[in-house]
Amino acid sequence: MKGLVYLLRLLVLVLFFWAGTLGLALAVQVHGAPEGFYTHILAHLFFTASIIFLLFFSRRYPVGSGKAWRYFRISLILFLLWNLDTMMVHFLDLRLPEHALFLPPDPFAHRLYGPLDFERWVYYLGRFDHLLCVPAMWFMVQSLRVFYKEQQNSQLKT
């Protein structure tokens, strides 16, 4: 058994080193026009509806009221805000003229050209969606961690 654990650790280590030798893996997904965009927006709408459903029923018919459930609801609220922000940016992206954006293949070199009116400022600030998504994921992980600890404690008592 110890040898198997050692072998699995070695395999994971080798995979990490091998993955480091590959090219860039960026979190950018391009959708073919126009079906890809419609499908993507529909996915955002379904995700929004799911979050609203979970928030509504977790408030109306609470299963629990501990720290884990509080973290879970906070994560849902942040995911909802992230999703609404992302959809807003998608639609603003369609409204901006092509000459307003410099979009080379390297996503870290993207630029928004002026004049910076209200719509472009909202677009620019909306692109910082990771400031909502990362805390949402953190709260989700924390809720799962507390759920797990509560489950472990209840099993130890029995």
N, C-alpha and C. Protein backbone atom coordinates (compact mmCIF):
# COMPACT_ATOMS: atom_id res chain seq x y z
N MET A 1 0.82 -1.20 0.00
CA MET A 1 0.00 0.00 0.00
C MET A 1 0.86 1.26 0.00
N LYS A 2 1.95 1.25 0.80
CA LYS A 2 2.84 2.39 0.84
C LYS A 2 3.48 2.63 -0.51
N GLY A 3 3.82 1.55 -1.19
CA GLY A 3 4.43 1.66 -2.52
C GLY A 3 3.49 2.28 -3.53
N LEU A 4 2.19 1.96 -3.41
CA LEU A 4 1.19 2.53 -4.33
C LEU A 4 1.03 4.03 -4.10
N VAL A 5 1.01 4.43 -2.84
CA VAL A 5 0.92 5.86 -2.52
C VAL A 5 2.14 6.59 -3.05
N TYR A 6 3.32 6.01 -2.87
CA TYR A 6 4.55 6.60 -3.37
C TYR A 6 4.51 6.72 -4.89
N LEU A 7 4.03 5.68 -5.56
CA LEU A 7 3.94 5.68 -7.01
C LEU A 7 2.96 6.75 -7.51
N LEU A 8 1.83 6.89 -6.84
CA LEU A 8 0.86 7.92 -7.23
C LEU A 8 1.42 9.32 -7.03
N ARG A 9 2.13 9.55 -5.94
CA ARG A 9 2.75 10.86 -5.71
C ARG A 9 3.78 11.16 -6.78
N LEU A 10 4.57 10.17 -7.13
CA LEU A 10 5.58 10.33 -8.17
C LEU A 10 4.92 10.64 -9.52
N LEU A 11 3.84 9.94 -9.81
CA LEU A 11 3.11 10.17 -11.06
C LEU A 11 2.56 11.59 -11.12
N VAL A 12 1.98 12.07 -10.03
CA VAL A 12 1.45 13.44 -9.98
C VAL A 12 2.58 14.44 -10.17
N LEU A 13 3.72 14.22 -9.52
CA LEU A 13 4.86 15.10 -9.66
C LEU A 13 5.35 15.14 -11.11
N VAL A 14 5.46 14.00 -11.75
CA VAL A 14 5.88 13.93 -13.15
C VAL A 14 4.89 14.66 -14.05
N LEU A 15 3.60 14.48 -13.78
CA LEU A 15 2.59 15.16 -14.59
C LEU A 15 2.67 16.68 -14.44
N PHE A 16 2.94 17.16 -13.22
CA PHE A 16 3.09 18.60 -13.03
C PHE A 16 4.30 19.14 -13.78
N PHE A 17 5.41 18.43 -13.72
CA PHE A 17 6.59 18.87 -14.45
C PHE A 17 6.35 18.82 -15.95
N TRP A 18 5.67 17.79 -16.43
CA TRP A 18 5.37 17.67 -17.85
C TRP A 18 4.43 18.79 -18.28
N ALA A 19 3.43 19.10 -17.45
CA ALA A 19 2.49 20.18 -17.79
C ALA A 19 3.20 21.52 -17.85
N GLY A 20 4.25 21.70 -17.05
CA GLY A 20 5.00 22.95 -17.07
C GLY A 20 5.80 23.15 -18.34
N THR A 21 6.06 22.08 -19.08
CA THR A 21 6.82 22.20 -20.33
C THR A 21 5.92 22.51 -21.52
N LEU A 22 4.61 22.43 -21.32
CA LEU A 22 3.68 22.71 -22.42
C LEU A 22 3.57 24.21 -22.64
N GLY A 23 2.89 24.59 -23.69
CA GLY A 23 2.67 26.00 -23.98
C GLY A 23 1.67 26.61 -23.01
N LEU A 24 1.36 27.86 -23.26
CA LEU A 24 0.41 28.57 -22.40
C LEU A 24 -0.97 27.94 -22.49
N ALA A 25 -1.62 27.82 -21.35
CA ALA A 25 -3.01 27.36 -21.28
C ALA A 25 -3.81 28.49 -20.66
N LEU A 26 -4.40 29.32 -21.47
CA LEU A 26 -5.10 30.50 -20.98
C LEU A 26 -6.60 30.23 -20.87
N ALA A 27 -7.23 30.89 -19.94
CA ALA A 27 -8.66 30.67 -19.68
C ALA A 27 -9.50 31.56 -20.58
N VAL A 28 -9.33 31.43 -21.86
CA VAL A 28 -10.10 32.21 -22.82
C VAL A 28 -10.77 31.22 -23.77
N GLN A 29 -12.05 31.38 -23.93
CA GLN A 29 -12.80 30.48 -24.79
C GLN A 29 -13.48 31.30 -25.88
N VAL A 30 -13.21 30.97 -27.12
CA VAL A 30 -13.79 31.69 -28.24
C VAL A 30 -14.95 30.86 -28.79
N HIS A 31 -16.06 31.53 -29.03
CA HIS A 31 -17.25 30.86 -29.56
C HIS A 31 -17.47 31.30 -30.99
N GLY A 32 -17.86 30.35 -31.84
CA GLY A 32 -18.17 30.69 -33.22
C GLY A 32 -19.44 31.53 -33.30
N ALA A 33 -19.44 32.47 -34.22
CA ALA A 33 -20.59 33.37 -34.33
C ALA A 33 -21.65 32.75 -35.22
N PRO A 34 -22.92 33.05 -35.03
CA PRO A 34 -23.52 33.62 -33.83
C PRO A 34 -24.00 32.55 -32.85
N GLU A 35 -24.01 31.28 -33.28
CA GLU A 35 -24.58 30.22 -32.44
C GLU A 35 -23.82 30.05 -31.13
N GLY A 36 -22.50 30.17 -31.18
CA GLY A 36 -21.71 30.00 -29.97
C GLY A 36 -22.04 31.05 -28.93
N PHE A 37 -22.24 32.29 -29.38
CA PHE A 37 -22.59 33.36 -28.45
C PHE A 37 -23.96 33.11 -27.83
N TYR A 38 -24.92 32.71 -28.65
CA TYR A 38 -26.27 32.46 -28.12
C TYR A 38 -26.25 31.32 -27.10
N THR A 39 -25.52 30.27 -27.41
CA THR A 39 -25.42 29.14 -26.49
C THR A 39 -24.74 29.57 -25.20
N HIS A 40 -23.72 30.38 -25.31
CA HIS A 40 -22.99 30.85 -24.14
C HIS A 40 -23.91 31.71 -23.24
N ILE A 41 -24.66 32.61 -23.85
CA ILE A 41 -25.58 33.46 -23.08
C ILE A 41 -26.68 32.61 -22.46
N LEU A 42 -27.17 31.61 -23.18
CA LEU A 42 -28.18 30.71 -22.59
C LEU A 42 -27.61 29.98 -21.38
N ALA A 43 -26.35 29.59 -21.44
CA ALA A 43 -25.73 28.94 -20.29
C ALA A 43 -25.68 29.89 -19.10
N HIS A 44 -25.36 31.17 -19.36
CA HIS A 44 -25.38 32.16 -18.28
C HIS A 44 -26.79 32.32 -17.71
N LEU A 45 -27.78 32.34 -18.57
CA LEU A 45 -29.16 32.48 -18.10
C LEU A 45 -29.60 31.29 -17.25
N PHE A 46 -29.25 30.08 -17.69
CA PHE A 46 -29.59 28.89 -16.90
C PHE A 46 -28.85 28.90 -15.56
N PHE A 47 -27.59 29.33 -15.57
CA PHE A 47 -26.84 29.40 -14.33
C PHE A 47 -27.47 30.42 -13.38
N THR A 48 -27.88 31.56 -13.91
CA THR A 48 -28.56 32.58 -13.11
C THR A 48 -29.85 32.04 -12.52
N ALA A 49 -30.64 31.37 -13.34
CA ALA A 49 -31.90 30.80 -12.86
C ALA A 49 -31.64 29.75 -11.77
N SER A 50 -30.60 28.95 -11.93
CA SER A 50 -30.27 27.94 -10.93
C SER A 50 -29.89 28.57 -9.61
N ILE A 51 -29.09 29.62 -9.67
CA ILE A 51 -28.66 30.29 -8.44
C ILE A 51 -29.86 30.92 -7.74
N ILE A 52 -30.72 31.59 -8.51
CA ILE A 52 -31.90 32.21 -7.91
C ILE A 52 -32.79 31.14 -7.29
N PHE A 53 -32.94 30.02 -7.96
CA PHE A 53 -33.73 28.90 -7.43
C PHE A 53 -33.15 28.43 -6.10
N LEU A 54 -31.82 28.20 -6.07
CA LEU A 54 -31.18 27.74 -4.84
C LEU A 54 -31.30 28.77 -3.71
N LEU A 55 -31.09 30.04 -4.04
CA LEU A 55 -31.21 31.08 -3.02
C LEU A 55 -32.63 31.17 -2.47
N PHE A 56 -33.61 31.11 -3.35
CA PHE A 56 -35.01 31.20 -2.94
C PHE A 56 -35.39 30.05 -2.02
N PHE A 57 -35.09 28.83 -2.46
CA PHE A 57 -35.52 27.68 -1.67
C PHE A 57 -34.66 27.46 -0.43
N SER A 58 -33.41 27.88 -0.44
CA SER A 58 -32.61 27.76 0.78
C SER A 58 -33.06 28.78 1.82
N ARG A 59 -33.67 29.87 1.38
CA ARG A 59 -34.20 30.86 2.31
C ARG A 59 -35.61 30.50 2.76
N ARG A 60 -36.40 30.02 1.83
CA ARG A 60 -37.81 29.70 2.14
C ARG A 60 -37.94 28.41 2.95
N TYR A 61 -37.19 27.39 2.58
CA TYR A 61 -37.22 26.10 3.27
C TYR A 61 -35.80 25.74 3.72
N PRO A 62 -35.30 26.39 4.77
CA PRO A 62 -33.90 26.17 5.16
C PRO A 62 -33.65 24.74 5.64
N VAL A 63 -32.60 24.16 5.13
CA VAL A 63 -32.18 22.82 5.53
C VAL A 63 -31.34 22.92 6.80
N GLY A 64 -30.55 23.98 6.89
CA GLY A 64 -29.69 24.19 8.04
C GLY A 64 -29.43 25.68 8.20
N SER A 65 -28.79 26.02 9.30
CA SER A 65 -28.56 27.45 9.55
C SER A 65 -27.16 27.72 10.08
N GLY A 66 -26.26 26.79 9.92
CA GLY A 66 -24.92 26.96 10.47
C GLY A 66 -24.01 27.78 9.58
N LYS A 67 -22.76 27.76 9.95
CA LYS A 67 -21.73 28.51 9.23
C LYS A 67 -21.61 28.04 7.78
N ALA A 68 -21.71 26.73 7.57
CA ALA A 68 -21.57 26.19 6.22
C ALA A 68 -22.66 26.72 5.30
N TRP A 69 -23.89 26.79 5.80
CA TRP A 69 -24.98 27.29 4.97
C TRP A 69 -24.83 28.78 4.71
N ARG A 70 -24.31 29.52 5.66
CA ARG A 70 -24.07 30.96 5.45
C ARG A 70 -23.02 31.15 4.36
N TYR A 71 -21.92 30.38 4.44
CA TYR A 71 -20.89 30.45 3.40
C TYR A 71 -21.46 30.06 2.04
N PHE A 72 -22.32 29.05 2.03
CA PHE A 72 -22.92 28.59 0.78
C PHE A 72 -23.78 29.70 0.16
N ARG A 73 -24.60 30.36 0.98
CA ARG A 73 -25.44 31.44 0.44
C ARG A 73 -24.60 32.63 -0.02
N ILE A 74 -23.53 32.94 0.70
CA ILE A 74 -22.65 34.03 0.27
C ILE A 74 -22.02 33.68 -1.08
N SER A 75 -21.60 32.43 -1.24
CA SER A 75 -21.02 32.03 -2.52
C SER A 75 -22.05 32.13 -3.64
N LEU A 76 -23.30 31.74 -3.36
CA LEU A 76 -24.34 31.85 -4.38
C LEU A 76 -24.58 33.30 -4.78
N ILE A 77 -24.61 34.19 -3.79
CA ILE A 77 -24.83 35.62 -4.10
C ILE A 77 -23.68 36.16 -4.94
N LEU A 78 -22.45 35.80 -4.58
CA LEU A 78 -21.30 36.27 -5.37
C LEU A 78 -21.29 35.66 -6.77
N PHE A 79 -21.65 34.38 -6.90
CA PHE A 79 -21.75 33.78 -8.23
C PHE A 79 -22.84 34.46 -9.05
N LEU A 80 -23.95 34.82 -8.42
CA LEU A 80 -25.02 35.53 -9.13
C LEU A 80 -24.53 36.88 -9.62
N LEU A 81 -23.85 37.63 -8.75
CA LEU A 81 -23.31 38.93 -9.16
C LEU A 81 -22.27 38.77 -10.27
N TRP A 82 -21.43 37.76 -10.15
CA TRP A 82 -20.43 37.51 -11.19
C TRP A 82 -21.11 37.20 -12.52
N ASN A 83 -22.13 36.36 -12.47
CA ASN A 83 -22.81 35.96 -13.69
C ASN A 83 -23.51 37.15 -14.35
N LEU A 84 -24.16 37.99 -13.57
CA LEU A 84 -24.82 39.17 -14.12
C LEU A 84 -23.79 40.14 -14.69
N ASP A 85 -22.68 40.31 -13.99
CA ASP A 85 -21.61 41.17 -14.49
C ASP A 85 -21.05 40.64 -15.81
N THR A 86 -20.84 39.34 -15.87
CA THR A 86 -20.28 38.74 -17.09
C THR A 86 -21.23 38.89 -18.27
N MET A 87 -22.53 38.69 -18.04
CA MET A 87 -23.49 38.87 -19.14
C MET A 87 -23.51 40.32 -19.60
N MET A 88 -23.44 41.26 -18.64
CA MET A 88 -23.43 42.67 -19.00
C MET A 88 -22.22 42.97 -19.88
N VAL A 89 -21.06 42.44 -19.52
CA VAL A 89 -19.84 42.67 -20.31
C VAL A 89 -19.96 42.05 -21.69
N HIS A 90 -20.58 40.87 -21.78
CA HIS A 90 -20.78 40.25 -23.09
C HIS A 90 -21.61 41.17 -23.99
N PHE A 91 -22.67 41.73 -23.45
CA PHE A 91 -23.53 42.60 -24.27
C PHE A 91 -22.85 43.93 -24.57
N LEU A 92 -22.09 44.46 -23.62
CA LEU A 92 -21.34 45.69 -23.90
C LEU A 92 -20.26 45.44 -24.94
N ASP A 93 -19.71 44.25 -24.94
CA ASP A 93 -18.70 43.88 -25.93
C ASP A 93 -19.29 43.95 -27.35
N LEU A 94 -20.56 43.57 -27.47
CA LEU A 94 -21.22 43.66 -28.78
C LEU A 94 -21.49 45.10 -29.18
N ARG A 95 -21.73 45.96 -28.22
CA ARG A 95 -22.08 47.35 -28.51
C ARG A 95 -20.88 48.22 -28.87
N LEU A 96 -19.72 47.85 -28.35
CA LEU A 96 -18.54 48.67 -28.61
C LEU A 96 -18.13 48.55 -30.08
N PRO A 97 -17.72 49.65 -30.70
CA PRO A 97 -17.25 49.56 -32.08
C PRO A 97 -15.94 48.77 -32.14
N GLU A 98 -15.67 48.19 -33.30
CA GLU A 98 -14.48 47.34 -33.43
C GLU A 98 -13.20 48.10 -33.18
N HIS A 99 -13.16 49.37 -33.53
CA HIS A 99 -11.92 50.14 -33.33
C HIS A 99 -11.71 50.52 -31.86
N ALA A 100 -12.67 50.23 -30.98
CA ALA A 100 -12.51 50.55 -29.56
C ALA A 100 -11.67 49.52 -28.83
N LEU A 101 -11.54 48.35 -29.42
CA LEU A 101 -10.80 47.27 -28.77
C LEU A 101 -9.61 46.84 -29.62
N PHE A 102 -8.48 46.65 -28.97
CA PHE A 102 -7.30 46.07 -29.61
C PHE A 102 -7.19 44.66 -29.05
N LEU A 103 -7.43 43.66 -29.89
CA LEU A 103 -7.50 42.27 -29.43
C LEU A 103 -6.50 41.38 -30.17
N PRO A 104 -5.23 41.47 -29.81
CA PRO A 104 -4.25 40.56 -30.43
C PRO A 104 -4.43 39.15 -29.88
N PRO A 105 -3.73 38.17 -30.45
CA PRO A 105 -3.86 36.79 -29.95
C PRO A 105 -3.49 36.64 -28.47
N ASP A 106 -2.57 37.47 -27.99
CA ASP A 106 -2.19 37.42 -26.58
C ASP A 106 -3.23 38.17 -25.75
N PRO A 107 -4.03 37.47 -24.93
CA PRO A 107 -5.09 38.14 -24.18
C PRO A 107 -4.58 39.13 -23.14
N PHE A 108 -3.29 39.04 -22.78
CA PHE A 108 -2.74 39.99 -21.81
C PHE A 108 -2.36 41.31 -22.47
N ALA A 109 -2.44 41.38 -23.77
CA ALA A 109 -2.11 42.61 -24.49
C ALA A 109 -3.37 43.33 -24.98
N HIS A 110 -4.54 42.89 -24.58
CA HIS A 110 -5.78 43.55 -25.00
C HIS A 110 -5.82 44.97 -24.46
N ARG A 111 -6.36 45.88 -25.27
CA ARG A 111 -6.45 47.28 -24.89
C ARG A 111 -7.84 47.83 -25.25
N LEU A 112 -8.30 48.77 -24.44
CA LEU A 112 -9.54 49.50 -24.70
C LEU A 112 -9.15 50.93 -25.02
N TYR A 113 -9.49 51.38 -26.23
CA TYR A 113 -9.12 52.72 -26.66
C TYR A 113 -10.22 53.71 -26.29
N GLY A 114 -9.82 54.96 -26.12
CA GLY A 114 -10.75 56.05 -25.77
C GLY A 114 -11.49 56.54 -26.99
N PRO A 115 -12.35 57.48 -26.79
CA PRO A 115 -12.61 58.23 -25.57
C PRO A 115 -13.37 57.36 -24.57
N LEU A 116 -12.98 57.47 -23.30
CA LEU A 116 -13.58 56.63 -22.27
C LEU A 116 -14.86 57.29 -21.74
N ASP A 117 -15.96 56.96 -22.39
CA ASP A 117 -17.25 57.44 -21.93
C ASP A 117 -17.80 56.47 -20.86
N PHE A 118 -19.01 56.71 -20.39
CA PHE A 118 -19.60 55.91 -19.31
C PHE A 118 -19.68 54.43 -19.69
N GLU A 119 -20.11 54.17 -20.92
CA GLU A 119 -20.27 52.78 -21.36
C GLU A 119 -18.93 52.05 -21.37
N ARG A 120 -17.89 52.70 -21.81
CA ARG A 120 -16.57 52.06 -21.84
C ARG A 120 -16.00 51.88 -20.44
N TRP A 121 -16.27 52.80 -19.52
CA TRP A 121 -15.84 52.62 -18.14
C TRP A 121 -16.55 51.44 -17.50
N VAL A 122 -17.85 51.32 -17.76
CA VAL A 122 -18.60 50.18 -17.21
C VAL A 122 -18.05 48.88 -17.78
N TYR A 123 -17.75 48.88 -19.08
CA TYR A 123 -17.16 47.71 -19.72
C TYR A 123 -15.82 47.37 -19.07
N TYR A 124 -14.97 48.39 -18.91
CA TYR A 124 -13.64 48.18 -18.34
C TYR A 124 -13.73 47.63 -16.91
N LEU A 125 -14.55 48.25 -16.08
CA LEU A 125 -14.68 47.79 -14.70
C LEU A 125 -15.36 46.42 -14.63
N GLY A 126 -16.27 46.15 -15.56
CA GLY A 126 -16.94 44.85 -15.60
C GLY A 126 -16.00 43.72 -15.96
N ARG A 127 -14.91 44.05 -16.64
CA ARG A 127 -13.94 43.01 -17.01
C ARG A 127 -13.16 42.48 -15.81
N PHE A 128 -13.29 43.13 -14.66
CA PHE A 128 -12.66 42.65 -13.44
C PHE A 128 -13.58 41.67 -12.72
N ASP A 129 -14.21 40.80 -13.48
CA ASP A 129 -15.18 39.85 -12.92
C ASP A 129 -14.54 38.85 -11.97
N HIS A 130 -13.24 38.66 -12.08
CA HIS A 130 -12.57 37.73 -11.17
C HIS A 130 -12.64 38.22 -9.72
N LEU A 131 -12.87 39.52 -9.51
CA LEU A 131 -13.01 40.03 -8.15
C LEU A 131 -14.31 39.57 -7.50
N LEU A 132 -15.23 39.04 -8.30
CA LEU A 132 -16.45 38.42 -7.77
C LEU A 132 -16.36 36.90 -7.81
N CYS A 133 -15.77 36.37 -8.85
CA CYS A 133 -15.75 34.91 -9.05
C CYS A 133 -14.81 34.21 -8.07
N VAL A 134 -13.64 34.75 -7.85
CA VAL A 134 -12.68 34.10 -6.96
C VAL A 134 -13.20 34.05 -5.52
N PRO A 135 -13.73 35.16 -4.97
CA PRO A 135 -14.31 35.04 -3.62
C PRO A 135 -15.51 34.08 -3.58
N ALA A 136 -16.28 34.03 -4.66
CA ALA A 136 -17.40 33.08 -4.70
C ALA A 136 -16.90 31.65 -4.59
N MET A 137 -15.83 31.34 -5.31
CA MET A 137 -15.26 29.99 -5.23
C MET A 137 -14.68 29.73 -3.85
N TRP A 138 -14.05 30.75 -3.25
CA TRP A 138 -13.47 30.59 -1.92
C TRP A 138 -14.56 30.27 -0.90
N PHE A 139 -15.67 31.03 -0.94
CA PHE A 139 -16.77 30.77 -0.01
C PHE A 139 -17.40 29.40 -0.26
N MET A 140 -17.46 28.98 -1.51
CA MET A 140 -17.99 27.65 -1.81
C MET A 140 -17.10 26.57 -1.20
N VAL A 141 -15.80 26.71 -1.37
CA VAL A 141 -14.87 25.74 -0.80
C VAL A 141 -14.96 25.75 0.73
N GLN A 142 -15.06 26.93 1.32
CA GLN A 142 -15.19 27.01 2.77
C GLN A 142 -16.46 26.33 3.26
N SER A 143 -17.55 26.52 2.53
CA SER A 143 -18.80 25.86 2.94
C SER A 143 -18.66 24.34 2.85
N LEU A 144 -18.03 23.85 1.80
CA LEU A 144 -17.82 22.40 1.68
C LEU A 144 -16.90 21.89 2.78
N ARG A 145 -15.90 22.68 3.12
CA ARG A 145 -14.99 22.28 4.19
C ARG A 145 -15.72 22.18 5.54
N VAL A 146 -16.58 23.16 5.83
CA VAL A 146 -17.32 23.14 7.09
C VAL A 146 -18.34 22.00 7.07
N PHE A 147 -19.01 21.79 5.93
CA PHE A 147 -19.94 20.65 5.82
C PHE A 147 -19.21 19.34 6.12
N TYR A 148 -18.02 19.19 5.56
CA TYR A 148 -17.24 17.97 5.76
C TYR A 148 -16.86 17.80 7.24
N LYS A 149 -16.39 18.89 7.85
CA LYS A 149 -16.01 18.81 9.27
C LYS A 149 -17.21 18.48 10.14
N GLU A 150 -18.37 19.07 9.84
CA GLU A 150 -19.58 18.76 10.61
C GLU A 150 -19.96 17.30 10.44
N GLN A 151 -19.82 16.78 9.24
CA GLN A 151 -20.14 15.37 8.99
C GLN A 151 -19.17 14.46 9.74
N GLN A 152 -17.89 14.81 9.73
CA GLN A 152 -16.90 14.02 10.45
C GLN A 152 -17.19 14.03 11.95
N ASN A 153 -17.54 15.21 12.50
CA ASN A 153 -17.83 15.30 13.92
C ASN A 153 -19.07 14.51 14.30
N SER A 154 -20.09 14.51 13.44
CA SER A 154 -21.30 13.76 13.74
C SER A 154 -21.05 12.24 13.68
N GLN A 155 -20.15 11.82 12.80
CA GLN A 155 -19.82 10.39 12.74
C GLN A 155 -19.00 9.95 13.95
N LEU A 156 -18.16 10.85 14.47
CA LEU A 156 -17.37 10.51 15.65
C LEU A 156 -18.24 10.38 16.89
N LYS A 157 -19.32 11.15 16.95
CA LYS A 157 -20.22 11.10 18.11
C LYS A 157 -21.05 9.82 18.14
N THR A 158 -21.30 9.24 16.97
CA THR A 158 -22.11 8.02 16.94
C THR A 158 -21.30 6.77 17.03
